[in-house]
Protein backbone atom coordinates (compact mmCIF):
# COMPACT_ATOMS: atom_id res chain seq x y z
CA MET A 1 10.15 -4.11 20.33
CA ASP A 2 8.64 -0.67 20.72
CA LEU A 3 7.96 0.65 17.19
CA GLY A 4 7.41 4.22 18.45
CA LEU A 5 3.94 4.49 16.84
CA SER A 6 1.86 5.11 19.93
CA GLY A 7 -0.10 8.31 19.40
CA LYS A 8 1.06 8.77 15.82
CA VAL A 9 -1.60 9.59 13.24
CA ALA A 10 -1.77 7.17 10.30
CA LEU A 11 -3.86 7.17 7.10
CA VAL A 12 -4.26 3.89 5.25
CA THR A 13 -6.07 3.93 1.91
CA GLY A 14 -7.90 0.98 0.41
CA ALA A 15 -8.28 -0.41 3.92
CA SER A 16 -11.80 -1.82 4.08
CA LYS A 17 -10.45 -5.31 3.45
CA GLY A 18 -7.43 -7.36 2.56
CA ILE A 19 -3.90 -5.99 2.85
CA GLY A 20 -5.00 -2.48 3.71
CA ARG A 21 -7.20 -3.69 6.49
CA GLY A 22 -4.40 -5.83 7.83
CA ILE A 23 -1.97 -2.89 7.93
CA ALA A 24 -4.56 -0.71 9.62
CA ALA A 25 -5.20 -3.36 12.26
CA GLU A 26 -1.52 -3.63 13.01
CA LEU A 27 -1.14 0.12 13.35
CA VAL A 28 -4.11 0.27 15.71
CA ALA A 29 -2.48 -2.54 17.79
CA GLU A 30 0.69 -0.43 17.99
CA GLY A 31 -1.26 2.45 19.49
CA ALA A 32 -1.54 4.70 16.40
CA ARG A 33 -4.59 6.82 15.76
CA VAL A 34 -5.69 5.35 12.41
CA ALA A 35 -7.81 6.75 9.66
CA ILE A 36 -8.85 4.33 6.89
CA SER A 37 -10.41 5.03 3.54
CA SER A 38 -12.25 3.18 0.84
CA HIS A 39 -14.55 4.09 -2.01
CA SER A 40 -17.29 2.04 -0.29
CA ARG A 41 -18.83 3.93 2.67
CA GLU A 42 -20.61 0.82 3.98
CA ARG A 43 -17.51 -1.35 4.02
CA VAL A 44 -15.12 1.25 5.36
CA GLU A 45 -17.43 2.25 8.19
CA ALA A 46 -17.96 -1.37 9.19
CA THR A 47 -14.24 -2.06 9.12
CA ALA A 48 -13.44 1.09 11.13
CA ALA A 49 -15.90 0.05 13.77
CA GLU A 50 -14.31 -3.40 14.03
CA LEU A 51 -10.71 -2.03 14.23
CA GLY A 52 -11.23 1.10 16.33
CA ALA A 53 -10.24 3.33 13.43
CA THR A 54 -11.89 6.37 11.80
CA ALA A 55 -13.58 5.90 8.47
CA TYR A 56 -13.35 8.11 5.37
CA VAL A 57 -14.73 7.70 1.87
CA HIS A 58 -12.11 8.23 -0.85
CA ASP A 59 -11.64 7.02 -4.41
CA THR A 60 -7.90 6.89 -5.26
CA ALA A 61 -8.70 7.93 -8.79
CA ASP A 62 -10.30 11.21 -7.56
CA LEU A 63 -7.12 13.31 -7.61
CA ASP A 64 -8.81 16.53 -6.38
CA HIS A 65 -10.19 14.74 -3.32
CA ALA A 66 -6.74 13.67 -2.06
CA ALA A 67 -6.01 17.03 -0.41
CA VAL A 68 -9.59 17.13 0.94
CA LEU A 69 -9.14 13.69 2.53
CA VAL A 70 -5.86 14.75 4.15
CA GLY A 71 -7.49 17.92 5.48
CA GLU A 72 -10.43 16.01 6.95
CA VAL A 73 -8.10 13.52 8.67
CA GLU A 74 -5.81 16.19 10.09
CA ARG A 75 -8.70 18.26 11.41
CA ALA A 76 -10.12 15.23 13.18
CA LEU A 77 -6.97 13.42 14.39
CA GLY A 78 -4.04 15.74 13.93
CA PRO A 79 -1.14 16.00 11.46
CA ILE A 80 -0.54 12.80 9.53
CA ASP A 81 2.70 11.06 10.56
CA VAL A 82 2.20 7.83 8.53
CA LEU A 83 0.71 7.38 5.07
CA VAL A 84 0.13 3.95 3.58
CA CYS A 85 -0.87 4.03 -0.06
CA ASN A 86 -2.81 0.94 -0.96
CA THR A 87 -5.24 0.40 -3.83
CA GLY A 88 -6.78 -2.44 -5.79
CA GLY A 89 -5.10 -3.59 -8.98
CA PRO A 90 -6.27 -2.94 -12.53
CA PRO A 91 -7.80 -5.69 -14.70
CA GLY A 92 -5.63 -8.43 -16.08
CA GLY A 93 -5.70 -10.15 -19.43
CA PRO A 94 -3.68 -12.65 -21.49
CA ASP A 95 -2.84 -10.21 -24.31
CA PRO A 96 -0.46 -7.46 -23.19
CA LEU A 97 -1.51 -5.41 -26.21
CA GLY A 98 -5.20 -5.97 -25.62
CA PHE A 99 -5.97 -3.14 -23.26
CA THR A 100 -7.80 -0.02 -24.31
CA ARG A 101 -6.46 3.50 -23.97
CA ASP A 102 -9.09 4.16 -21.28
CA GLN A 103 -7.85 1.16 -19.33
CA TRP A 104 -4.27 2.38 -19.53
CA GLN A 105 -5.26 5.89 -18.37
CA THR A 106 -7.43 4.58 -15.55
CA ALA A 107 -4.59 2.33 -14.33
CA TYR A 108 -2.15 5.25 -14.39
CA ARG A 109 -4.59 7.44 -12.51
CA SER A 110 -5.21 4.91 -9.77
CA LEU A 111 -1.68 3.50 -9.41
CA VAL A 112 0.47 6.58 -9.95
CA LEU A 113 -1.40 9.88 -9.94
CA GLY A 114 -3.72 8.97 -7.07
CA PRO A 115 -1.00 7.90 -4.59
CA MET A 116 1.26 10.78 -5.66
CA ALA A 117 -1.58 13.28 -4.90
CA LEU A 118 -1.67 11.93 -1.35
CA VAL A 119 2.10 12.02 -1.06
CA GLU A 120 2.19 15.61 -2.24
CA ALA A 121 -0.43 16.51 0.35
CA VAL A 122 1.34 15.01 3.37
CA VAL A 123 5.08 15.13 2.80
CA PRO A 124 5.60 18.95 3.19
CA GLY A 125 4.07 18.83 6.63
CA MET A 126 6.11 15.76 7.54
CA ARG A 127 9.28 17.55 6.57
CA GLU A 128 8.36 20.63 8.66
CA ARG A 129 7.73 18.43 11.74
CA GLY A 130 10.84 16.34 11.19
CA PHE A 131 9.12 12.96 11.05
CA GLY A 132 7.19 11.03 8.41
CA ARG A 133 6.72 7.54 7.07
CA VAL A 134 5.21 6.78 3.64
CA VAL A 135 4.72 3.23 2.54
CA ASN A 136 3.39 2.15 -0.83
CA VAL A 137 1.92 -1.31 -1.46
CA ALA A 138 2.89 -2.42 -4.91
CA SER A 139 3.54 -5.92 -6.37
CA THR A 140 6.38 -8.37 -7.02
CA GLY A 141 5.67 -7.58 -10.65
CA VAL A 142 7.90 -4.50 -10.34
CA ARG A 143 10.87 -6.92 -10.18
CA GLU A 144 9.61 -9.82 -12.26
CA PRO A 145 6.64 -8.96 -14.56
CA ILE A 146 3.64 -11.14 -13.83
CA PRO A 147 1.95 -12.76 -16.82
CA ASN A 148 -1.58 -11.40 -17.50
CA LEU A 149 -0.95 -8.26 -15.44
CA MET A 150 0.39 -5.86 -18.01
CA LEU A 151 -1.22 -2.74 -16.57
CA SER A 152 0.00 -3.41 -13.07
CA ASN A 153 3.52 -4.32 -14.25
CA ALA A 154 3.82 -1.17 -16.33
CA HIS A 155 2.52 1.34 -13.84
CA ARG A 156 3.61 0.15 -10.42
CA ILE A 157 7.28 0.43 -11.39
CA SER A 158 6.72 4.16 -11.88
CA MET A 159 6.01 4.55 -8.15
CA ILE A 160 9.23 2.72 -7.24
CA ASN A 161 11.24 5.30 -9.19
CA ALA A 162 9.14 8.22 -7.86
CA PHE A 163 9.64 7.08 -4.25
CA LYS A 164 13.40 6.68 -4.78
CA THR A 165 13.62 10.19 -6.21
CA ILE A 166 11.62 11.78 -3.36
CA ALA A 167 13.28 9.69 -0.65
CA ARG A 168 16.72 11.07 -1.47
CA GLN A 169 15.44 14.62 -1.25
CA VAL A 170 13.59 14.33 2.09
CA ALA A 171 15.76 11.83 4.01
CA ALA A 172 17.58 14.53 5.95
CA ASP A 173 14.21 15.85 7.21
CA GLY A 174 13.35 12.58 8.96
CA VAL A 175 10.92 11.39 6.25
CA THR A 176 11.18 7.99 4.62
CA LEU A 177 9.43 6.47 1.63
CA ASN A 178 9.48 2.74 1.02
CA THR A 179 7.57 0.16 -0.92
CA VAL A 180 6.38 -3.31 0.08
CA LEU A 181 5.85 -5.98 -2.56
CA PRO A 182 3.23 -8.60 -1.87
CA GLY A 183 3.79 -11.99 -3.45
CA ARG A 184 1.14 -14.66 -3.17
CA ILE A 185 -0.80 -13.21 -0.22
CA ASP A 186 -4.16 -14.79 0.70
CA THR A 187 -6.53 -12.01 -0.43
CA ASP A 188 -9.69 -11.61 -2.45
CA ARG A 189 -7.61 -10.05 -5.26
CA LEU A 190 -5.45 -13.12 -5.62
CA ILE A 191 -8.42 -15.42 -5.55
CA GLU A 192 -10.14 -13.28 -8.22
CA LEU A 193 -7.11 -13.49 -10.48
CA LEU A 194 -6.62 -17.22 -10.07
CA GLY A 195 -10.25 -18.28 -10.06
CA SER A 196 -10.59 -19.92 -6.65
CA HIS A 197 -8.97 -20.19 -3.26
CA GLU A 198 -8.09 -23.82 -4.00
CA ALA A 199 -6.33 -22.76 -7.22
CA ALA A 200 -4.36 -20.10 -5.37
CA GLN A 201 -3.30 -22.55 -2.68
CA ALA A 202 -2.27 -25.16 -5.26
CA LEU A 203 -0.19 -22.68 -7.22
CA ALA A 204 1.53 -21.44 -4.08
CA ALA A 205 2.36 -24.99 -3.03
CA GLU A 206 3.92 -25.49 -6.46
CA GLU A 207 5.76 -22.20 -7.01
CA VAL A 208 6.46 -20.56 -3.68
CA PRO A 209 9.51 -21.95 -1.82
CA ALA A 210 7.66 -21.56 1.47
CA GLY A 211 5.05 -23.91 0.04
CA ARG A 212 1.97 -21.86 0.90
CA LEU A 213 0.16 -18.54 0.54
CA GLY A 214 1.28 -15.73 2.77
CA THR A 215 -1.13 -14.22 5.28
CA VAL A 216 -2.26 -10.62 5.41
CA GLU A 217 -0.85 -10.46 8.94
CA GLU A 218 2.60 -11.55 7.80
CA PHE A 219 2.59 -8.85 5.15
CA ALA A 220 1.27 -6.17 7.53
CA ALA A 221 4.05 -6.83 10.02
CA ILE A 222 6.70 -5.78 7.52
CA ALA A 223 4.73 -2.82 6.25
CA VAL A 224 4.21 -1.51 9.78
CA LEU A 225 7.87 -2.01 10.66
CA LEU A 226 8.66 0.39 7.81
CA CYS A 227 6.15 2.82 9.26
CA SER A 228 7.91 2.83 12.61
CA ALA A 229 10.32 5.16 14.30
CA ARG A 230 12.78 2.23 14.43
CA ALA A 231 13.08 2.11 10.65
CA SER A 232 14.47 5.62 10.37
CA TYR A 233 17.54 4.55 8.34
CA VAL A 234 15.62 2.65 5.66
CA THR A 235 14.36 4.74 2.78
CA GLY A 236 13.85 4.47 -0.97
CA GLU A 237 13.74 0.72 -0.67
CA THR A 238 11.46 -2.09 -1.94
CA VAL A 239 10.90 -5.08 0.32
CA ALA A 240 9.32 -8.26 -0.97
CA VAL A 241 7.08 -10.34 1.28
CA ASP A 242 6.75 -13.39 -0.96
CA GLY A 243 7.91 -16.58 0.78
CA GLY A 244 10.94 -16.68 -1.50
CA LEU A 245 8.95 -16.50 -4.76
CA LEU A 246 11.17 -13.98 -6.53
CA ARG A 247 14.29 -15.27 -8.18
CA SER A 248 15.80 -11.85 -8.78
CA VAL A 249 18.54 -10.58 -6.52
CA PHE A 250 17.55 -6.92 -6.68
């Protein structure tokens, strides 16, 4: 299947490792001109060299830098056709009432305000050109809250509603906004939350109907499909990549 991404310009944030890296790699394989960003210059430059992408340093929480990043990418590669918003999750904890005000504000800044600053910077140009794809990487916690992840559960759902609102307004202009929900994907973040790779595998074997962890490549395949020209009639949606983990229908 030709996804129609050859020559398209894509920006993937949080892409020095894990899910972001996997999505960037898939976009490169489809012929897109890919910019990747991370707050770590060393990591993002190394990853870009491995993938054949272009590296940029960006901290999602730096709201004023979002437009700067978009400008830098567009001057180097051309107008952005595809934006993938991906960022690391906030800290977890067993007490949902045990987080400080600063932790709440930091989570809101990185999970809502940061991605929205990027969306605001790219969507007007996408609408003018008649094509655009925006994909947000969230969590299955937006459908079924995950124990110990209060900050993620509370804030990521905001982006689902924001994307739904924007998607309805810009659909006629050829711009789509969708969200992909990772379940138990084999990443450093999951291992950090569960303590070890062995613990993550054991829990997946017990709780995930597929009986295993998902791979970054499996997740990236769905994310990139939603970035494609072929997915032009899918917008405002959330798609879970979770091996059947979620019990909810919607």
